[in-house]
Amino acid sequence: MRRILVVDDSATMRKMVIASLRDLKDISFSEAGNGLEAIEQVEIAPFDLMILDLNMPDMHGLEVLKFVLGHPNHQATPIIILTTKGDENSRSEALSAGAACYLTKPFQPKLLADQVQKLLTSVSV
C-alpha cells in the first residue's frame, strides 16, 4: 500500500484533497496541519508522496520541501506543491528546490489525481 502525506493548515483543504484521490487504489493517507508536524511524520515513517501547501503559519512549505528533499532517506520522495500562490516566482522557486509538480488552488480534482497517479507510477516500489 502506498502512503501519501497531505500537509495543509486547513483541515477542510486536507479533506478535499483526500476526497479527490479516494478512487486511487491501494493508497493510505496521513495528514499534517503544519510544517513541523509534516517533518515529524516523515521522520517516523517514510511516505511515497507528499502534497504540500506553501502558506502555513509555523514553517513555510518551501522550508519543508527543502528539508525533506535534503535528507538522504527522502531525496526520492515526490512532492506536489498545492498552494494559492500562483505567481511565477513561487512556482519557479519550488520547482528549482525539487518539487515534482506545482498546482494552484482552487484545484481540479482530476488533474491532482492524474499527477499523483503519474508520480506514484514513476516511483520504484
PDB file of N, CA and C in Angstrom:
ATOM      1  N   MET A   1       0.841  -1.187   0.000  1.00  0.00           N
ATOM      2  CA  MET A   1       0.000   0.000   0.000  1.00  0.00           C
ATOM      3  C   MET A   1       0.884   1.246   0.000  1.00  0.00           C
ATOM      4  N   ARG A   2       0.572   2.173  -0.884  1.00  0.00           N
ATOM      5  CA  ARG A   2       1.312   3.436  -0.975  1.00  0.00           C
ATOM      6  C   ARG A   2       0.795   4.404   0.086  1.00  0.00           C
ATOM      7  N   ARG A   3       1.715   5.231   0.591  1.00  0.00           N
ATOM      8  CA  ARG A   3       1.367   6.200   1.637  1.00  0.00           C
ATOM      9  C   ARG A   3       1.563   7.621   1.121  1.00  0.00           C
ATOM     10  N   ILE A   4       0.524   8.447   1.330  1.00  0.00           N
ATOM     11  CA  ILE A   4       0.569   9.852   0.927  1.00  0.00           C
ATOM     12  C   ILE A   4       0.358  10.712   2.165  1.00  0.00           C
ATOM     13  N   LEU A   5       1.207  11.727   2.310  1.00  0.00           N
ATOM     14  CA  LEU A   5       1.060  12.700   3.386  1.00  0.00           C
ATOM     15  C   LEU A   5       0.519  13.994   2.789  1.00  0.00           C
ATOM     16  N   VAL A   6      -0.616  14.459   3.331  1.00  0.00           N
ATOM     17  CA  VAL A   6      -1.249  15.703   2.883  1.00  0.00           C
ATOM     18  C   VAL A   6      -0.981  16.760   3.954  1.00  0.00           C
ATOM     19  N   VAL A   7      -0.269  17.821   3.555  1.00  0.00           N
ATOM     20  CA  VAL A   7       0.144  18.857   4.505  1.00  0.00           C
ATOM     21  C   VAL A   7      -0.501  20.180   4.133  1.00  0.00           C
ATOM     22  N   ASP A   8      -1.382  20.660   5.004  1.00  0.00           N
ATOM     23  CA  ASP A   8      -2.056  21.941   4.793  1.00  0.00           C
ATOM     24  C   ASP A   8      -2.589  22.392   6.144  1.00  0.00           C
ATOM     25  N   ASP A   9      -2.508  23.682   6.424  1.00  0.00           N
ATOM     26  CA  ASP A   9      -3.008  24.169   7.712  1.00  0.00           C
ATOM     27  C   ASP A   9      -4.535  24.218   7.760  1.00  0.00           C
ATOM     28  N   SER A  10      -5.185  24.018   6.642  1.00  0.00           N
ATOM     29  CA  SER A  10      -6.648  23.974   6.595  1.00  0.00           C
ATOM     30  C   SER A  10      -7.131  22.521   6.598  1.00  0.00           C
ATOM     31  N   ALA A  11      -7.829  22.145   7.660  1.00  0.00           N
ATOM     32  CA  ALA A  11      -8.381  20.786   7.745  1.00  0.00           C
ATOM     33  C   ALA A  11      -9.354  20.534   6.597  1.00  0.00           C
ATOM     34  N   THR A  12     -10.113  21.543   6.208  1.00  0.00           N
ATOM     35  CA  THR A  12     -11.066  21.405   5.106  1.00  0.00           C
ATOM     36  C   THR A  12     -10.332  21.102   3.801  1.00  0.00           C
ATOM     37  N   MET A  13      -9.243  21.798   3.556  1.00  0.00           N
ATOM     38  CA  MET A  13      -8.478  21.555   2.329  1.00  0.00           C
ATOM     39  C   MET A  13      -7.873  20.152   2.344  1.00  0.00           C
ATOM     40  N   ARG A  14      -7.369  19.712   3.492  1.00  0.00           N
ATOM     41  CA  ARG A  14      -6.823  18.348   3.574  1.00  0.00           C
ATOM     42  C   ARG A  14      -7.897  17.330   3.223  1.00  0.00           C
ATOM     43  N   LYS A  15      -9.100  17.515   3.735  1.00  0.00           N
ATOM     44  CA  LYS A  15     -10.209  16.598   3.445  1.00  0.00           C
ATOM     45  C   LYS A  15     -10.584  16.633   1.964  1.00  0.00           C
ATOM     46  N   MET A  16     -10.565  17.823   1.363  1.00  0.00           N
ATOM     47  CA  MET A  16     -10.890  17.946  -0.059  1.00  0.00           C
ATOM     48  C   MET A  16      -9.853  17.224  -0.919  1.00  0.00           C
ATOM     49  N   VAL A  17      -8.594  17.357  -0.567  1.00  0.00           N
ATOM     50  CA  VAL A  17      -7.522  16.685  -1.315  1.00  0.00           C
ATOM     51  C   VAL A  17      -7.700  15.176  -1.221  1.00  0.00           C
ATOM     52  N   ILE A  18      -7.904  14.685  -0.024  1.00  0.00           N
ATOM     53  CA  ILE A  18      -8.069  13.241   0.178  1.00  0.00           C
ATOM     54  C   ILE A  18      -9.306  12.737  -0.568  1.00  0.00           C
ATOM     55  N   ALA A  19     -10.396  13.490  -0.497  1.00  0.00           N
ATOM     56  CA  ALA A  19     -11.627  13.090  -1.196  1.00  0.00           C
ATOM     57  C   ALA A  19     -11.400  13.017  -2.705  1.00  0.00           C
ATOM     58  N   SER A  20     -10.590  13.915  -3.233  1.00  0.00           N
ATOM     59  CA  SER A  20     -10.355  13.920  -4.681  1.00  0.00           C
ATOM     60  C   SER A  20      -9.475  12.750  -5.125  1.00  0.00           C
ATOM     61  N   LEU A  21      -8.824  12.091  -4.179  1.00  0.00           N
ATOM     62  CA  LEU A  21      -7.933  10.971  -4.503  1.00  0.00           C
ATOM     63  C   LEU A  21      -8.497   9.624  -4.058  1.00  0.00           C
ATOM     64  N   ARG A  22      -9.706   9.606  -3.548  1.00  0.00           N
ATOM     65  CA  ARG A  22     -10.264   8.386  -2.955  1.00  0.00           C
ATOM     66  C   ARG A  22     -10.434   7.238  -3.942  1.00  0.00           C
ATOM     67  N   ASP A  23     -10.503   7.538  -5.237  1.00  0.00           N
ATOM     68  CA  ASP A  23     -10.670   6.475  -6.223  1.00  0.00           C
ATOM     69  C   ASP A  23      -9.365   5.770  -6.585  1.00  0.00           C
ATOM     70  N   LEU A  24      -8.233   6.325  -6.166  1.00  0.00           N
ATOM     71  CA  LEU A  24      -6.955   5.668  -6.425  1.00  0.00           C
ATOM     72  C   LEU A  24      -6.849   4.444  -5.521  1.00  0.00           C
ATOM     73  N   LYS A  25      -6.328   3.363  -6.068  1.00  0.00           N
ATOM     74  CA  LYS A  25      -6.291   2.082  -5.350  1.00  0.00           C
ATOM     75  C   LYS A  25      -5.022   1.934  -4.516  1.00  0.00           C
ATOM     76  N   ASP A  26      -5.155   1.197  -3.421  1.00  0.00           N
ATOM     77  CA  ASP A  26      -4.029   0.817  -2.565  1.00  0.00           C
ATOM     78  C   ASP A  26      -3.230   2.012  -2.046  1.00  0.00           C
ATOM     79  N   ILE A  27      -3.951   3.030  -1.567  1.00  0.00           N
ATOM     80  CA  ILE A  27      -3.307   4.221  -1.021  1.00  0.00           C
ATOM     81  C   ILE A  27      -3.886   4.510   0.354  1.00  0.00           C
ATOM     82  N   SER A  28      -3.002   4.819   1.287  1.00  0.00           N
ATOM     83  CA  SER A  28      -3.443   5.279   2.601  1.00  0.00           C
ATOM     84  C   SER A  28      -2.978   6.725   2.765  1.00  0.00           C
ATOM     85  N   PHE A  29      -3.718   7.474   3.535  1.00  0.00           N
ATOM     86  CA  PHE A  29      -3.441   8.897   3.707  1.00  0.00           C
ATOM     87  C   PHE A  29      -3.142   9.224   5.159  1.00  0.00           C
ATOM     88  N   SER A  30      -2.210  10.136   5.342  1.00  0.00           N
ATOM     89  CA  SER A  30      -1.945  10.744   6.638  1.00  0.00           C
ATOM     90  C   SER A  30      -2.039  12.241   6.429  1.00  0.00           C
ATOM     91  N   GLU A  31      -2.278  12.949   7.521  1.00  0.00           N
ATOM     92  CA  GLU A  31      -2.432  14.396   7.434  1.00  0.00           C
ATOM     93  C   GLU A  31      -1.500  15.085   8.410  1.00  0.00           C
ATOM     94  N   ALA A  32      -1.058  16.280   8.011  1.00  0.00           N
ATOM     95  CA  ALA A  32      -0.290  17.145   8.898  1.00  0.00           C
ATOM     96  C   ALA A  32      -0.841  18.554   8.748  1.00  0.00           C
ATOM     97  N   GLY A  33      -1.040  19.226   9.864  1.00  0.00           N
ATOM     98  CA  GLY A  33      -1.624  20.563   9.860  1.00  0.00           C
ATOM     99  C   GLY A  33      -0.607  21.685   9.786  1.00  0.00           C
ATOM    100  N   ASN A  34       0.680  21.342   9.821  1.00  0.00           N
ATOM    101  CA  ASN A  34       1.720  22.359   9.691  1.00  0.00           C
ATOM    102  C   ASN A  34       3.036  21.695   9.288  1.00  0.00           C
ATOM    103  N   GLY A  35       4.020  22.506   8.991  1.00  0.00           N
ATOM    104  CA  GLY A  35       5.292  22.001   8.503  1.00  0.00           C
ATOM    105  C   GLY A  35       6.054  21.159   9.505  1.00  0.00           C
ATOM    106  N   LEU A  36       6.043  21.582  10.760  1.00  0.00           N
ATOM    107  CA  LEU A  36       6.770  20.820  11.783  1.00  0.00           C
ATOM    108  C   LEU A  36       6.160  19.439  11.973  1.00  0.00           C
ATOM    109  N   GLU A  37       4.853  19.380  11.963  1.00  0.00           N
ATOM    110  CA  GLU A  37       4.165  18.086  12.072  1.00  0.00           C
ATOM    111  C   GLU A  37       4.495  17.201  10.873  1.00  0.00           C
ATOM    112  N   ALA A  38       4.599  17.796   9.702  1.00  0.00           N
ATOM    113  CA  ALA A  38       4.949  17.033   8.498  1.00  0.00           C
ATOM    114  C   ALA A  38       6.338  16.429   8.630  1.00  0.00           C
ATOM    115  N   ILE A  39       7.291  17.223   9.089  1.00  0.00           N
ATOM    116  CA  ILE A  39       8.662  16.730   9.249  1.00  0.00           C
ATOM    117  C   ILE A  39       8.706  15.607  10.282  1.00  0.00           C
ATOM    118  N   GLU A  40       7.970  15.771  11.371  1.00  0.00           N
ATOM    119  CA  GLU A  40       7.913  14.710  12.383  1.00  0.00           C
ATOM    120  C   GLU A  40       7.383  13.412  11.773  1.00  0.00           C
ATOM    121  N   GLN A  41       6.311  13.509  11.012  1.00  0.00           N
ATOM    122  CA  GLN A  41       5.723  12.304  10.414  1.00  0.00           C
ATOM    123  C   GLN A  41       6.657  11.644   9.405  1.00  0.00           C
ATOM    124  N   VAL A  42       7.355  12.447   8.633  1.00  0.00           N
ATOM    125  CA  VAL A  42       8.289  11.904   7.644  1.00  0.00           C
ATOM    126  C   VAL A  42       9.448  11.192   8.342  1.00  0.00           C
ATOM    127  N   GLU A  43       9.869  11.720   9.464  1.00  0.00           N
ATOM    128  CA  GLU A  43      10.975  11.110  10.193  1.00  0.00           C
ATOM    129  C   GLU A  43      10.553   9.802  10.868  1.00  0.00           C
ATOM    130  N   ILE A  44       9.294   9.680  11.227  1.00  0.00           N
ATOM    131  CA  ILE A  44       8.803   8.453  11.867  1.00  0.00           C
ATOM    132  C   ILE A  44       8.688   7.339  10.840  1.00  0.00           C
ATOM    133  N   ALA A  45       8.091   7.643   9.700  1.00  0.00           N
ATOM    134  CA  ALA A  45       7.909   6.628   8.652  1.00  0.00           C
ATOM    135  C   ALA A  45       7.878   7.332   7.301  1.00  0.00           C
ATOM    136  N   PRO A  46       8.589   6.808   6.321  1.00  0.00           N
ATOM    137  CA  PRO A  46       8.626   7.470   5.010  1.00  0.00           C
ATOM    138  C   PRO A  46       7.282   7.390   4.279  1.00  0.00           C
ATOM    139  N   PHE A  47       7.096   8.320   3.379  1.00  0.00           N
ATOM    140  CA  PHE A  47       5.897   8.369   2.539  1.00  0.00           C
ATOM    141  C   PHE A  47       6.305   8.191   1.091  1.00  0.00           C
ATOM    142  N   ASP A  48       5.372   7.710   0.287  1.00  0.00           N
ATOM    143  CA  ASP A  48       5.634   7.537  -1.137  1.00  0.00           C
ATOM    144  C   ASP A  48       5.435   8.829  -1.912  1.00  0.00           C
ATOM    145  N   LEU A  49       4.681   9.769  -1.312  1.00  0.00           N
ATOM    146  CA  LEU A  49       4.392  11.035  -1.972  1.00  0.00           C
ATOM    147  C   LEU A  49       3.874  12.007  -0.931  1.00  0.00           C
ATOM    148  N   MET A  50       4.156  13.290  -1.139  1.00  0.00           N
ATOM    149  CA  MET A  50       3.648  14.332  -0.247  1.00  0.00           C
ATOM    150  C   MET A  50       2.943  15.394  -1.081  1.00  0.00           C
ATOM    151  N   ILE A  51       1.814  15.874  -0.573  1.00  0.00           N
ATOM    152  CA  ILE A  51       1.107  17.014  -1.163  1.00  0.00           C
ATOM    153  C   ILE A  51       1.226  18.129  -0.130  1.00  0.00           C
ATOM    154  N   LEU A  52       1.846  19.231  -0.525  1.00  0.00           N
ATOM    155  CA  LEU A  52       2.309  20.239   0.429  1.00  0.00           C
ATOM    156  C   LEU A  52       1.840  21.637   0.058  1.00  0.00           C
ATOM    157  N   ASP A  53       1.256  22.328   1.036  1.00  0.00           N
ATOM    158  CA  ASP A  53       0.889  23.734   0.881  1.00  0.00           C
ATOM    159  C   ASP A  53       2.129  24.581   1.161  1.00  0.00           C
ATOM    160  N   LEU A  54       2.210  25.762   0.592  1.00  0.00           N
ATOM    161  CA  LEU A  54       3.324  26.664   0.879  1.00  0.00           C
ATOM    162  C   LEU A  54       3.025  27.582   2.055  1.00  0.00           C
ATOM    163  N   ASN A  55       1.809  28.115   2.101  1.00  0.00           N
ATOM    164  CA  ASN A  55       1.460  29.112   3.115  1.00  0.00           C
ATOM    165  C   ASN A  55       0.956  28.451   4.388  1.00  0.00           C
ATOM    166  N   MET A  56       1.871  28.314   5.348  1.00  0.00           N
ATOM    167  CA  MET A  56       1.496  27.744   6.647  1.00  0.00           C
ATOM    168  C   MET A  56       2.100  28.619   7.735  1.00  0.00           C
ATOM    169  N   PRO A  57       1.462  28.676   8.887  1.00  0.00           N
ATOM    170  CA  PRO A  57       1.854  29.644   9.905  1.00  0.00           C
ATOM    171  C   PRO A  57       3.208  29.405  10.584  1.00  0.00           C
ATOM    172  N   ASP A  58       3.602  28.193  10.859  1.00  0.00           N
ATOM    173  CA  ASP A  58       4.813  27.995  11.658  1.00  0.00           C
ATOM    174  C   ASP A  58       6.066  27.730  10.837  1.00  0.00           C
ATOM    175  N   MET A  59       5.900  27.118   9.693  1.00  0.00           N
ATOM    176  CA  MET A  59       7.036  26.784   8.845  1.00  0.00           C
ATOM    177  C   MET A  59       6.559  26.783   7.401  1.00  0.00           C
ATOM    178  N   HIS A  60       7.151  27.632   6.590  1.00  0.00           N
ATOM    179  CA  HIS A  60       6.748  27.758   5.197  1.00  0.00           C
ATOM    180  C   HIS A  60       6.957  26.432   4.471  1.00  0.00           C
ATOM    181  N   GLY A  61       6.072  26.130   3.547  1.00  0.00           N
ATOM    182  CA  GLY A  61       6.156  24.883   2.808  1.00  0.00           C
ATOM    183  C   GLY A  61       7.461  24.710   2.044  1.00  0.00           C
ATOM    184  N   LEU A  62       8.034  25.798   1.591  1.00  0.00           N
ATOM    185  CA  LEU A  62       9.307  25.716   0.881  1.00  0.00           C
ATOM    186  C   LEU A  62      10.408  25.196   1.812  1.00  0.00           C
ATOM    187  N   GLU A  63      10.366  25.596   3.072  1.00  0.00           N
ATOM    188  CA  GLU A  63      11.328  25.080   4.056  1.00  0.00           C
ATOM    189  C   GLU A  63      11.135  23.578   4.262  1.00  0.00           C
ATOM    190  N   VAL A  64       9.882  23.157   4.320  1.00  0.00           N
ATOM    191  CA  VAL A  64       9.582  21.726   4.466  1.00  0.00           C
ATOM    192  C   VAL A  64      10.102  20.965   3.250  1.00  0.00           C
ATOM    193  N   LEU A  65       9.827  21.480   2.074  1.00  0.00           N
ATOM    194  CA  LEU A  65      10.283  20.866   0.822  1.00  0.00           C
ATOM    195  C   LEU A  65      11.802  20.675   0.845  1.00  0.00           C
ATOM    196  N   LYS A  66      12.522  21.725   1.164  1.00  0.00           N
ATOM    197  CA  LYS A  66      13.984  21.665   1.176  1.00  0.00           C
ATOM    198  C   LYS A  66      14.495  20.699   2.243  1.00  0.00           C
ATOM    199  N   PHE A  67      13.857  20.698   3.406  1.00  0.00           N
ATOM    200  CA  PHE A  67      14.285  19.796   4.476  1.00  0.00           C
ATOM    201  C   PHE A  67      14.099  18.339   4.063  1.00  0.00           C
ATOM    202  N   VAL A  68      12.905  18.022   3.585  1.00  0.00           N
ATOM    203  CA  VAL A  68      12.592  16.634   3.224  1.00  0.00           C
ATOM    204  C   VAL A  68      13.504  16.157   2.097  1.00  0.00           C
ATOM    205  N   LEU A  69      13.621  16.942   1.038  1.00  0.00           N
ATOM    206  CA  LEU A  69      14.431  16.509  -0.104  1.00  0.00           C
ATOM    207  C   LEU A  69      15.930  16.577   0.182  1.00  0.00           C
ATOM    208  N   GLY A  70      16.303  17.323   1.207  1.00  0.00           N
ATOM    209  CA  GLY A  70      17.705  17.398   1.601  1.00  0.00           C
ATOM    210  C   GLY A  70      18.150  16.233   2.466  1.00  0.00           C
ATOM    211  N   HIS A  71      17.206  15.451   2.941  1.00  0.00           N
ATOM    212  CA  HIS A  71      17.513  14.301   3.794  1.00  0.00           C
ATOM    213  C   HIS A  71      17.786  13.091   2.911  1.00  0.00           C
ATOM    214  N   PRO A  72      18.902  12.390   3.131  1.00  0.00           N
ATOM    215  CA  PRO A  72      19.259  11.263   2.259  1.00  0.00           C
ATOM    216  C   PRO A  72      18.174  10.188   2.139  1.00  0.00           C
ATOM    217  N   ASN A  73      17.407   9.964   3.187  1.00  0.00           N
ATOM    218  CA  ASN A  73      16.369   8.928   3.143  1.00  0.00           C
ATOM    219  C   ASN A  73      15.119   9.346   2.383  1.00  0.00           C
ATOM    220  N   HIS A  74      15.003  10.629   2.067  1.00  0.00           N
ATOM    221  CA  HIS A  74      13.763  11.120   1.454  1.00  0.00           C
ATOM    222  C   HIS A  74      13.978  11.862   0.138  1.00  0.00           C
ATOM    223  N   GLN A  75      15.188  11.827  -0.393  1.00  0.00           N
ATOM    224  CA  GLN A  75      15.503  12.581  -1.605  1.00  0.00           C
ATOM    225  C   GLN A  75      14.640  12.195  -2.797  1.00  0.00           C
ATOM    226  N   ALA A  76      14.182  10.962  -2.835  1.00  0.00           N
ATOM    227  CA  ALA A  76      13.393  10.492  -3.985  1.00  0.00           C
ATOM    228  C   ALA A  76      11.891  10.660  -3.789  1.00  0.00           C
ATOM    229  N   THR A  77      11.472  11.234  -2.664  1.00  0.00           N
ATOM    230  CA  THR A  77      10.043  11.414  -2.402  1.00  0.00           C
ATOM    231  C   THR A  77       9.471  12.498  -3.308  1.00  0.00           C
ATOM    232  N   PRO A  78       8.514  12.161  -4.167  1.00  0.00           N
ATOM    233  CA  PRO A  78       7.896  13.203  -4.985  1.00  0.00           C
ATOM    234  C   PRO A  78       7.010  14.094  -4.120  1.00  0.00           C
ATOM    235  N   ILE A  79       7.155  15.390  -4.310  1.00  0.00           N
ATOM    236  CA  ILE A  79       6.365  16.352  -3.543  1.00  0.00           C
ATOM    237  C   ILE A  79       5.606  17.242  -4.515  1.00  0.00           C
ATOM    238  N   ILE A  80       4.282  17.239  -4.360  1.00  0.00           N
ATOM    239  CA  ILE A  80       3.409  18.100  -5.148  1.00  0.00           C
ATOM    240  C   ILE A  80       3.097  19.330  -4.302  1.00  0.00           C
ATOM    241  N   ILE A  81       3.389  20.489  -4.835  1.00  0.00           N
ATOM    242  CA  ILE A  81       3.003  21.729  -4.167  1.00  0.00           C
ATOM    243  C   ILE A  81       1.579  22.050  -4.595  1.00  0.00           C
ATOM    244  N   LEU A  82       0.721  22.298  -3.607  1.00  0.00           N
ATOM    245  CA  LEU A  82      -0.671  22.685  -3.858  1.00  0.00           C
ATOM    246  C   LEU A  82      -0.937  23.930  -3.027  1.00  0.00           C
ATOM    247  N   THR A  83      -1.001  25.079  -3.679  1.00  0.00           N
ATOM    248  CA  THR A  83      -0.999  26.357  -2.972  1.00  0.00           C
ATOM    249  C   THR A  83      -1.863  27.402  -3.664  1.00  0.00           C
ATOM    250  N   THR A  84      -2.149  28.469  -2.952  1.00  0.00           N
ATOM    251  CA  THR A  84      -2.862  29.607  -3.539  1.00  0.00           C
ATOM    252  C   THR A  84      -1.897  30.544  -4.269  1.00  0.00           C
ATOM    253  N   LYS A  85      -0.600  30.361  -4.058  1.00  0.00           N
ATOM    254  CA  LYS A  85       0.410  31.241  -4.665  1.00  0.00           C
ATOM    255  C   LYS A  85       0.609  30.872  -6.128  1.00  0.00           C
ATOM    256  N   GLY A  86       0.016  31.658  -7.003  1.00  0.00           N
ATOM    257  CA  GLY A  86       0.086  31.374  -8.427  1.00  0.00           C
ATOM    258  C   GLY A  86       1.146  32.171  -9.171  1.00  0.00           C
ATOM    259  N   ASP A  87       1.954  32.943  -8.454  1.00  0.00           N
ATOM    260  CA  ASP A  87       2.952  33.768  -9.134  1.00  0.00           C
ATOM    261  C   ASP A  87       4.121  32.917  -9.641  1.00  0.00           C
ATOM    262  N   GLU A  88       4.741  33.381 -10.696  1.00  0.00           N
ATOM    263  CA  GLU A  88       5.822  32.635 -11.348  1.00  0.00           C
ATOM    264  C   GLU A  88       7.036  32.475 -10.443  1.00  0.00           C
ATOM    265  N   ASN A  89       7.311  33.455  -9.600  1.00  0.00           N
ATOM    266  CA  ASN A  89       8.458  33.372  -8.698  1.00  0.00           C
ATOM    267  C   ASN A  89       8.300  32.212  -7.714  1.00  0.00           C
ATOM    268  N   SER A  90       7.117  32.078  -7.122  1.00  0.00           N
ATOM    269  CA  SER A  90       6.867  30.980  -6.175  1.00  0.00           C
ATOM    270  C   SER A  90       6.961  29.637  -6.886  1.00  0.00           C
ATOM    271  N   ARG A  91       6.365  29.551  -8.055  1.00  0.00           N
ATOM    272  CA  ARG A  91       6.404  28.320  -8.852  1.00  0.00           C
ATOM    273  C   ARG A  91       7.851  27.944  -9.178  1.00  0.00           C
ATOM    274  N   SER A  92       8.595  28.894  -9.682  1.00  0.00           N
ATOM    275  CA  SER A  92       9.981  28.654 -10.081  1.00  0.00           C
ATOM    276  C   SER A  92      10.840  28.236  -8.886  1.00  0.00           C
ATOM    277  N   GLU A  93      10.653  28.908  -7.774  1.00  0.00           N
ATOM    278  CA  GLU A  93      11.432  28.598  -6.579  1.00  0.00           C
ATOM    279  C   GLU A  93      11.142  27.182  -6.080  1.00  0.00           C
ATOM    280  N   ALA A  94       9.883  26.793  -6.062  1.00  0.00           N
ATOM    281  CA  ALA A  94       9.507  25.452  -5.590  1.00  0.00           C
ATOM    282  C   ALA A  94      10.025  24.371  -6.534  1.00  0.00           C
ATOM    283  N   LEU A  95       9.873  24.586  -7.829  1.00  0.00           N
ATOM    284  CA  LEU A  95      10.348  23.592  -8.793  1.00  0.00           C
ATOM    285  C   LEU A  95      11.874  23.498  -8.774  1.00  0.00           C
ATOM    286  N   SER A  96      12.544  24.623  -8.609  1.00  0.00           N
ATOM    287  CA  SER A  96      14.008  24.618  -8.515  1.00  0.00           C
ATOM    288  C   SER A  96      14.492  23.903  -7.269  1.00  0.00           C
ATOM    289  N   ALA A  97      13.688  23.966  -6.211  1.00  0.00           N
ATOM    290  CA  ALA A  97      14.046  23.302  -4.950  1.00  0.00           C
ATOM    291  C   ALA A  97      13.754  21.799  -4.990  1.00  0.00           C
ATOM    292  N   GLY A  98      13.103  21.343  -6.063  1.00  0.00           N
ATOM    293  CA  GLY A  98      12.897  19.907  -6.210  1.00  0.00           C
ATOM    294  C   GLY A  98      11.462  19.425  -6.220  1.00  0.00           C
ATOM    295  N   ALA A  99      10.493  20.339  -6.158  1.00  0.00           N
ATOM    296  CA  ALA A  99       9.094  19.910  -6.228  1.00  0.00           C
ATOM    297  C   ALA A  99       8.852  19.182  -7.546  1.00  0.00           C
ATOM    298  N   ALA A 100       8.081  18.112  -7.492  1.00  0.00           N
ATOM    299  CA  ALA A 100       7.793  17.321  -8.686  1.00  0.00           C
ATOM    300  C   ALA A 100       6.702  17.959  -9.537  1.00  0.00           C
ATOM    301  N   CYS A 101       5.863  18.760  -8.898  1.00  0.00           N
ATOM    302  CA  CYS A 101       4.699  19.327  -9.580  1.00  0.00           C
ATOM    303  C   CYS A 101       4.230  20.542  -8.784  1.00  0.00           C
ATOM    304  N   TYR A 102       3.670  21.524  -9.453  1.00  0.00           N
ATOM    305  CA  TYR A 102       3.180  22.738  -8.790  1.00  0.00           C
ATOM    306  C   TYR A 102       1.765  23.011  -9.281  1.00  0.00           C
ATOM    307  N   LEU A 103       0.805  22.910  -8.383  1.00  0.00           N
ATOM    308  CA  LEU A 103      -0.603  23.161  -8.711  1.00  0.00           C
ATOM    309  C   LEU A 103      -1.129  24.279  -7.827  1.00  0.00           C
ATOM    310  N   THR A 104      -2.090  25.032  -8.354  1.00  0.00           N
ATOM    311  CA  THR A 104      -2.662  26.118  -7.571  1.00  0.00           C
ATOM    312  C   THR A 104      -4.106  25.816  -7.166  1.00  0.00           C
ATOM    313  N   LYS A 105      -4.496  26.426  -6.071  1.00  0.00           N
ATOM    314  CA  LYS A 105      -5.867  26.340  -5.556  1.00  0.00           C
ATOM    315  C   LYS A 105      -6.642  27.515  -6.138  1.00  0.00           C
ATOM    316  N   PRO A 106      -7.919  27.357  -6.428  1.00  0.00           N
ATOM    317  CA  PRO A 106      -8.653  26.098  -6.323  1.00  0.00           C
ATOM    318  C   PRO A 106      -8.130  25.119  -7.368  1.00  0.00           C
ATOM    319  N   PHE A 107      -8.090  23.844  -6.984  1.00  0.00           N
ATOM    320  CA  PHE A 107      -7.506  22.847  -7.865  1.00  0.00           C
ATOM    321  C   PHE A 107      -8.583  22.004  -8.535  1.00  0.00           C
ATOM    322  N   GLN A 108      -8.197  21.385  -9.637  1.00  0.00           N
ATOM    323  CA  GLN A 108      -9.083  20.469 -10.341  1.00  0.00           C
ATOM    324  C   GLN A 108      -8.792  19.063  -9.831  1.00  0.00           C
ATOM    325  N   PRO A 109      -9.759  18.409  -9.175  1.00  0.00           N
ATOM    326  CA  PRO A 109      -9.519  17.086  -8.600  1.00  0.00           C
ATOM    327  C   PRO A 109      -8.940  16.061  -9.577  1.00  0.00           C
ATOM    328  N   LYS A 110      -9.418  16.064 -10.805  1.00  0.00           N
ATOM    329  CA  LYS A 110      -8.909  15.091 -11.782  1.00  0.00           C
ATOM    330  C   LYS A 110      -7.444  15.351 -12.106  1.00  0.00           C
ATOM    331  N   LEU A 111      -7.076  16.605 -12.236  1.00  0.00           N
ATOM    332  CA  LEU A 111      -5.682  16.952 -12.522  1.00  0.00           C
ATOM    333  C   LEU A 111      -4.779  16.507 -11.373  1.00  0.00           C
ATOM    334  N   LEU A 112      -5.208  16.746 -10.148  1.00  0.00           N
ATOM    335  CA  LEU A 112      -4.429  16.308  -8.991  1.00  0.00           C
ATOM    336  C   LEU A 112      -4.304  14.787  -8.979  1.00  0.00           C
ATOM    337  N   ALA A 113      -5.407  14.090  -9.177  1.00  0.00           N
ATOM    338  CA  ALA A 113      -5.384  12.623  -9.171  1.00  0.00           C
ATOM    339  C   ALA A 113      -4.475  12.092 -10.284  1.00  0.00           C
ATOM    340  N   ASP A 114      -4.525  12.708 -11.455  1.00  0.00           N
ATOM    341  CA  ASP A 114      -3.669  12.282 -12.564  1.00  0.00           C
ATOM    342  C   ASP A 114      -2.193  12.472 -12.224  1.00  0.00           C
ATOM    343  N   GLN A 115      -1.869  13.597 -11.605  1.00  0.00           N
ATOM    344  CA  GLN A 115      -0.474  13.861 -11.231  1.00  0.00           C
ATOM    345  C   GLN A 115       0.000  12.886 -10.160  1.00  0.00           C
ATOM    346  N   VAL A 116      -0.849  12.617  -9.176  1.00  0.00           N
ATOM    347  CA  VAL A 116      -0.499  11.666  -8.121  1.00  0.00           C
ATOM    348  C   VAL A 116      -0.251  10.290  -8.729  1.00  0.00           C
ATOM    349  N   GLN A 117      -1.159   9.847  -9.587  1.00  0.00           N
ATOM    350  CA  GLN A 117      -1.023   8.533 -10.220  1.00  0.00           C
ATOM    351  C   GLN A 117       0.266   8.458 -11.040  1.00  0.00           C
ATOM    352  N   LYS A 118       0.535   9.496 -11.800  1.00  0.00           N
ATOM    353  CA  LYS A 118       1.740   9.543 -12.626  1.00  0.00           C
ATOM    354  C   LYS A 118       3.000   9.460 -11.763  1.00  0.00           C
ATOM    355  N   LEU A 119       3.027  10.223 -10.689  1.00  0.00           N
ATOM    356  CA  LEU A 119       4.219  10.236  -9.841  1.00  0.00           C
ATOM    357  C   LEU A 119       4.389   8.926  -9.075  1.00  0.00           C
ATOM    358  N   LEU A 120       3.302   8.356  -8.610  1.00  0.00           N
ATOM    359  CA  LEU A 120       3.403   7.079  -7.894  1.00  0.00           C
ATOM    360  C   LEU A 120       3.840   5.967  -8.832  1.00  0.00           C
ATOM    361  N   THR A 121       3.421   6.039 -10.083  1.00  0.00           N
ATOM    362  CA  THR A 121       3.801   5.021 -11.059  1.00  0.00           C
ATOM    363  C   THR A 121       5.291   5.125 -11.384  1.00  0.00           C
ATOM    364  N   SER A 122       5.830   6.332 -11.372  1.00  0.00           N
ATOM    365  CA  SER A 122       7.231   6.529 -11.719  1.00  0.00           C
ATOM    366  C   SER A 122       8.182   6.230 -10.568  1.00  0.00           C
ATOM    367  N   VAL A 123       7.637   6.129  -9.343  1.00  0.00           N
ATOM    368  CA  VAL A 123       8.471   5.828  -8.176  1.00  0.00           C
ATOM    369  C   VAL A 123       8.619   4.326  -8.055  1.00  0.00           C
ATOM    370  N   SER A 124       9.831   3.868  -7.905  1.00  0.00           N
ATOM    371  CA  SER A 124      10.035   2.424  -7.777  1.00  0.00           C
ATOM    372  C   SER A 124       9.434   1.914  -6.483  1.00  0.00           C
ATOM    373  N   VAL A 125       8.874   0.722  -6.545  1.00  0.00           N
ATOM    374  CA  VAL A 125       8.193   0.132  -5.393  1.00  0.00           C
ATOM    375  C   VAL A 125       9.208  -0.586  -4.533  1.00  0.00           C
TER     376      VAL A 125
END
